[in-house]
Amino acid sequence: MQKSEQTSKQNNEAKTNAKRVILICLAIAIPVSIYLIFFAFGNDHNVSGHGFAAHIIGVIAAFLSAFFFMGITFFSSRGGHDEQPNYRKIVEDNKNKHKGH
């Protein structure tokens, strides 16, 4: 197997594992958060069924948006989309400058 094929295979496995970890974290964090919000501190509040539904939808939306925006930031940074357009030229110029001295 060539190195590029092996690297590609490792990248695909890493992405698959990252997706699994995120889904497992969501499957654990959302129910735990809902439990803590509604049931951990006693049942002395007067919230209707609509209130429970709104809170549950809000918790789920907050977690999903947090994962979504952090994922966008991570992959944007990793993909080089945050770099200035002439970054590679600047790096090459600096390398050439240091080689000459």
N, C-alpha and C. Protein backbone atom coordinates (compact mmCIF):
# COMPACT_ATOMS: atom_id res chain seq x y z
N MET A 1 0.85 -1.17 0.00
CA MET A 1 0.00 0.00 0.00
C MET A 1 0.89 1.24 0.00
N GLN A 2 0.57 2.21 -0.84
CA GLN A 2 1.36 3.42 -0.91
C GLN A 2 1.05 4.33 0.26
N LYS A 3 1.98 5.27 0.51
CA LYS A 3 1.81 6.16 1.65
C LYS A 3 0.58 7.03 1.51
N SER A 4 0.29 7.55 0.32
CA SER A 4 -0.87 8.43 0.14
C SER A 4 -2.18 7.67 0.38
N GLU A 5 -2.22 6.40 -0.06
CA GLU A 5 -3.41 5.59 0.18
C GLU A 5 -3.56 5.30 1.67
N GLN A 6 -2.45 5.03 2.33
CA GLN A 6 -2.48 4.75 3.77
C GLN A 6 -2.90 5.99 4.54
N THR A 7 -2.37 7.15 4.17
CA THR A 7 -2.73 8.39 4.84
C THR A 7 -4.20 8.69 4.62
N SER A 8 -4.68 8.49 3.40
CA SER A 8 -6.09 8.71 3.09
C SER A 8 -6.98 7.79 3.91
N LYS A 9 -6.57 6.54 4.04
CA LYS A 9 -7.34 5.58 4.83
C LYS A 9 -7.36 5.98 6.30
N GLN A 10 -6.20 6.43 6.81
CA GLN A 10 -6.14 6.87 8.21
C GLN A 10 -7.00 8.10 8.43
N ASN A 11 -7.01 9.03 7.48
CA ASN A 11 -7.85 10.22 7.60
C ASN A 11 -9.32 9.86 7.63
N ASN A 12 -9.73 8.94 6.78
CA ASN A 12 -11.13 8.51 6.75
C ASN A 12 -11.52 7.83 8.06
N GLU A 13 -10.62 7.00 8.59
CA GLU A 13 -10.90 6.34 9.87
C GLU A 13 -10.99 7.36 11.00
N ALA A 14 -10.12 8.36 10.97
CA ALA A 14 -10.14 9.40 12.01
C ALA A 14 -11.44 10.20 11.95
N LYS A 15 -11.90 10.52 10.74
CA LYS A 15 -13.16 11.26 10.60
C LYS A 15 -14.33 10.42 11.10
N THR A 16 -14.33 9.14 10.77
CA THR A 16 -15.40 8.25 11.22
C THR A 16 -15.40 8.16 12.74
N ASN A 17 -14.22 8.01 13.33
CA ASN A 17 -14.13 7.94 14.80
C ASN A 17 -14.56 9.25 15.44
N ALA A 18 -14.21 10.38 14.85
CA ALA A 18 -14.62 11.67 15.39
C ALA A 18 -16.13 11.81 15.36
N LYS A 19 -16.76 11.38 14.29
CA LYS A 19 -18.22 11.44 14.19
C LYS A 19 -18.86 10.55 15.26
N ARG A 20 -18.30 9.38 15.48
CA ARG A 20 -18.84 8.48 16.51
C ARG A 20 -18.72 9.11 17.90
N VAL A 21 -17.58 9.71 18.19
CA VAL A 21 -17.38 10.33 19.50
C VAL A 21 -18.36 11.47 19.71
N ILE A 22 -18.56 12.29 18.69
CA ILE A 22 -19.50 13.40 18.80
C ILE A 22 -20.91 12.89 19.04
N LEU A 23 -21.32 11.88 18.32
CA LEU A 23 -22.67 11.34 18.50
C LEU A 23 -22.84 10.72 19.89
N ILE A 24 -21.81 10.03 20.37
CA ILE A 24 -21.89 9.45 21.71
C ILE A 24 -21.97 10.56 22.76
N CYS A 25 -21.15 11.60 22.59
CA CYS A 25 -21.20 12.73 23.53
C CYS A 25 -22.57 13.39 23.54
N LEU A 26 -23.14 13.58 22.35
CA LEU A 26 -24.48 14.16 22.28
C LEU A 26 -25.51 13.26 22.94
N ALA A 27 -25.39 11.96 22.71
CA ALA A 27 -26.35 11.01 23.29
C ALA A 27 -26.26 10.97 24.80
N ILE A 28 -25.12 11.32 25.35
CA ILE A 28 -24.97 11.34 26.81
C ILE A 28 -25.28 12.73 27.38
N ALA A 29 -24.75 13.77 26.76
CA ALA A 29 -24.84 15.12 27.32
C ALA A 29 -26.26 15.68 27.31
N ILE A 30 -26.99 15.45 26.25
CA ILE A 30 -28.33 16.02 26.16
C ILE A 30 -29.27 15.44 27.23
N PRO A 31 -29.39 14.12 27.37
CA PRO A 31 -30.27 13.61 28.42
C PRO A 31 -29.81 14.00 29.84
N VAL A 32 -28.50 14.02 30.07
CA VAL A 32 -28.01 14.41 31.39
C VAL A 32 -28.37 15.86 31.67
N SER A 33 -28.22 16.73 30.70
CA SER A 33 -28.57 18.13 30.88
C SER A 33 -30.06 18.30 31.15
N ILE A 34 -30.86 17.58 30.41
CA ILE A 34 -32.32 17.67 30.62
C ILE A 34 -32.68 17.17 32.00
N TYR A 35 -32.06 16.08 32.44
CA TYR A 35 -32.31 15.57 33.79
C TYR A 35 -31.93 16.60 34.84
N LEU A 36 -30.75 17.18 34.68
CA LEU A 36 -30.29 18.17 35.68
C LEU A 36 -31.19 19.40 35.72
N ILE A 37 -31.66 19.83 34.56
CA ILE A 37 -32.52 21.02 34.52
C ILE A 37 -33.86 20.75 35.20
N PHE A 38 -34.46 19.60 34.95
CA PHE A 38 -35.83 19.37 35.40
C PHE A 38 -35.98 18.57 36.69
N PHE A 39 -35.11 17.61 36.93
CA PHE A 39 -35.40 16.66 37.98
C PHE A 39 -34.38 16.61 39.12
N ALA A 40 -33.19 17.11 38.93
CA ALA A 40 -32.13 16.94 39.94
C ALA A 40 -32.36 17.80 41.17
N PHE A 41 -33.06 18.90 41.03
CA PHE A 41 -33.21 19.83 42.15
C PHE A 41 -34.62 19.81 42.74
N GLY A 42 -35.27 18.71 42.65
CA GLY A 42 -36.62 18.58 43.20
C GLY A 42 -37.67 18.97 42.18
N ASN A 43 -38.89 18.69 42.53
CA ASN A 43 -40.00 18.93 41.60
C ASN A 43 -40.92 20.01 42.15
N ASP A 44 -40.34 21.10 42.66
CA ASP A 44 -41.15 22.15 43.25
C ASP A 44 -41.43 23.30 42.29
N HIS A 45 -41.16 23.13 41.02
CA HIS A 45 -41.46 24.19 40.06
C HIS A 45 -42.77 23.89 39.35
N ASN A 46 -43.36 24.94 38.85
CA ASN A 46 -44.65 24.83 38.19
C ASN A 46 -44.47 25.08 36.69
N VAL A 47 -44.00 24.09 35.97
CA VAL A 47 -43.78 24.25 34.54
C VAL A 47 -44.76 23.34 33.80
N SER A 48 -45.43 23.93 32.81
CA SER A 48 -46.40 23.16 32.04
C SER A 48 -45.69 22.24 31.05
N GLY A 49 -46.45 21.44 30.38
CA GLY A 49 -45.89 20.55 29.36
C GLY A 49 -45.24 21.33 28.23
N HIS A 50 -45.83 22.48 27.89
CA HIS A 50 -45.24 23.31 26.85
C HIS A 50 -43.90 23.87 27.31
N GLY A 51 -43.78 24.18 28.59
CA GLY A 51 -42.52 24.67 29.13
C GLY A 51 -41.44 23.61 29.07
N PHE A 52 -41.81 22.37 29.45
CA PHE A 52 -40.86 21.26 29.36
C PHE A 52 -40.39 21.07 27.91
N ALA A 53 -41.35 21.08 26.98
CA ALA A 53 -41.01 20.89 25.57
C ALA A 53 -40.09 22.01 25.08
N ALA A 54 -40.38 23.24 25.47
CA ALA A 54 -39.55 24.37 25.04
C ALA A 54 -38.13 24.24 25.59
N HIS A 55 -38.01 23.84 26.86
CA HIS A 55 -36.69 23.67 27.46
C HIS A 55 -35.92 22.54 26.77
N ILE A 56 -36.58 21.45 26.52
CA ILE A 56 -35.92 20.31 25.87
C ILE A 56 -35.45 20.70 24.47
N ILE A 57 -36.32 21.36 23.71
CA ILE A 57 -35.93 21.80 22.37
C ILE A 57 -34.77 22.80 22.46
N GLY A 58 -34.81 23.69 23.44
CA GLY A 58 -33.74 24.66 23.62
C GLY A 58 -32.41 24.01 23.96
N VAL A 59 -32.43 23.02 24.84
CA VAL A 59 -31.19 22.32 25.21
C VAL A 59 -30.60 21.60 24.00
N ILE A 60 -31.44 20.91 23.27
CA ILE A 60 -30.97 20.19 22.09
C ILE A 60 -30.42 21.17 21.05
N ALA A 61 -31.12 22.26 20.80
CA ALA A 61 -30.67 23.26 19.83
C ALA A 61 -29.34 23.88 20.26
N ALA A 62 -29.19 24.14 21.55
CA ALA A 62 -27.94 24.74 22.05
C ALA A 62 -26.77 23.79 21.84
N PHE A 63 -26.94 22.52 22.17
CA PHE A 63 -25.86 21.54 21.98
C PHE A 63 -25.52 21.38 20.50
N LEU A 64 -26.54 21.24 19.67
CA LEU A 64 -26.27 21.04 18.25
C LEU A 64 -25.60 22.25 17.62
N SER A 65 -26.05 23.46 17.99
CA SER A 65 -25.42 24.65 17.42
C SER A 65 -23.98 24.80 17.92
N ALA A 66 -23.73 24.46 19.18
CA ALA A 66 -22.36 24.54 19.70
C ALA A 66 -21.45 23.57 18.95
N PHE A 67 -21.88 22.33 18.78
CA PHE A 67 -21.07 21.37 18.04
C PHE A 67 -20.89 21.80 16.59
N PHE A 68 -21.94 22.32 15.99
CA PHE A 68 -21.89 22.74 14.59
C PHE A 68 -20.88 23.87 14.40
N PHE A 69 -20.99 24.92 15.22
CA PHE A 69 -20.11 26.07 15.04
C PHE A 69 -18.66 25.76 15.42
N MET A 70 -18.45 24.93 16.43
CA MET A 70 -17.09 24.53 16.77
C MET A 70 -16.49 23.66 15.67
N GLY A 71 -17.32 22.81 15.07
CA GLY A 71 -16.86 21.99 13.95
C GLY A 71 -16.48 22.84 12.75
N ILE A 72 -17.29 23.84 12.45
CA ILE A 72 -16.97 24.74 11.33
C ILE A 72 -15.65 25.45 11.59
N THR A 73 -15.47 25.94 12.81
CA THR A 73 -14.24 26.63 13.15
C THR A 73 -13.04 25.70 13.03
N PHE A 74 -13.16 24.49 13.54
CA PHE A 74 -12.06 23.53 13.50
C PHE A 74 -11.68 23.18 12.07
N PHE A 75 -12.67 22.81 11.26
CA PHE A 75 -12.36 22.38 9.90
C PHE A 75 -11.93 23.54 9.02
N SER A 76 -12.43 24.75 9.28
CA SER A 76 -12.00 25.93 8.54
C SER A 76 -10.54 26.22 8.83
N SER A 77 -10.17 26.16 10.08
CA SER A 77 -8.79 26.41 10.48
C SER A 77 -7.87 25.33 9.93
N ARG A 78 -8.30 24.11 10.02
CA ARG A 78 -7.47 22.99 9.57
C ARG A 78 -7.31 22.97 8.06
N GLY A 79 -8.34 23.44 7.36
CA GLY A 79 -8.29 23.44 5.90
C GLY A 79 -7.52 24.61 5.31
N GLY A 80 -7.10 25.55 6.14
CA GLY A 80 -6.33 26.69 5.66
C GLY A 80 -7.18 27.84 5.16
N HIS A 81 -8.47 27.80 5.40
CA HIS A 81 -9.36 28.86 4.94
C HIS A 81 -9.18 30.14 5.74
N ASP A 82 -8.56 30.07 6.90
CA ASP A 82 -8.37 31.24 7.74
C ASP A 82 -7.06 31.96 7.46
N GLU A 83 -6.23 31.40 6.61
CA GLU A 83 -4.94 32.00 6.32
C GLU A 83 -5.11 33.13 5.31
N GLN A 84 -4.19 34.06 5.36
CA GLN A 84 -4.22 35.13 4.37
C GLN A 84 -3.89 34.55 3.00
N PRO A 85 -4.37 35.16 1.92
CA PRO A 85 -4.22 34.58 0.58
C PRO A 85 -2.78 34.34 0.15
N ASN A 86 -1.86 35.20 0.57
CA ASN A 86 -0.48 35.06 0.12
C ASN A 86 0.40 34.41 1.19
N TYR A 87 -0.18 33.64 2.09
CA TYR A 87 0.57 33.05 3.19
C TYR A 87 1.67 32.12 2.70
N ARG A 88 1.36 31.27 1.74
CA ARG A 88 2.36 30.31 1.25
C ARG A 88 3.54 31.03 0.60
N LYS A 89 3.27 32.11 -0.12
CA LYS A 89 4.34 32.87 -0.75
C LYS A 89 5.23 33.51 0.32
N ILE A 90 4.63 34.05 1.38
CA ILE A 90 5.40 34.65 2.47
C ILE A 90 6.30 33.61 3.13
N VAL A 91 5.76 32.42 3.38
CA VAL A 91 6.54 31.35 4.01
C VAL A 91 7.70 30.95 3.12
N GLU A 92 7.44 30.78 1.83
CA GLU A 92 8.51 30.40 0.90
C GLU A 92 9.57 31.48 0.82
N ASP A 93 9.15 32.75 0.79
CA ASP A 93 10.12 33.85 0.76
C ASP A 93 10.99 33.85 2.01
N ASN A 94 10.38 33.61 3.16
CA ASN A 94 11.14 33.56 4.41
C ASN A 94 12.13 32.39 4.42
N LYS A 95 11.71 31.24 3.89
CA LYS A 95 12.61 30.09 3.82
C LYS A 95 13.80 30.40 2.93
N ASN A 96 13.53 31.00 1.77
CA ASN A 96 14.59 31.34 0.83
C ASN A 96 15.52 32.39 1.42
N LYS A 97 14.97 33.33 2.17
CA LYS A 97 15.77 34.38 2.80
C LYS A 97 16.74 33.78 3.82
N HIS A 98 16.24 32.81 4.61
CA HIS A 98 17.07 32.19 5.66
C HIS A 98 18.09 31.22 5.06
N LYS A 99 17.78 30.62 3.93
CA LYS A 99 18.75 29.72 3.30
C LYS A 99 19.94 30.50 2.76
N GLY A 100 19.70 31.72 2.31
CA GLY A 100 20.76 32.54 1.72
C GLY A 100 21.75 33.05 2.73
N HIS A 101 21.37 33.11 4.01
CA HIS A 101 22.28 33.65 5.03
C HIS A 101 23.03 32.61 5.73
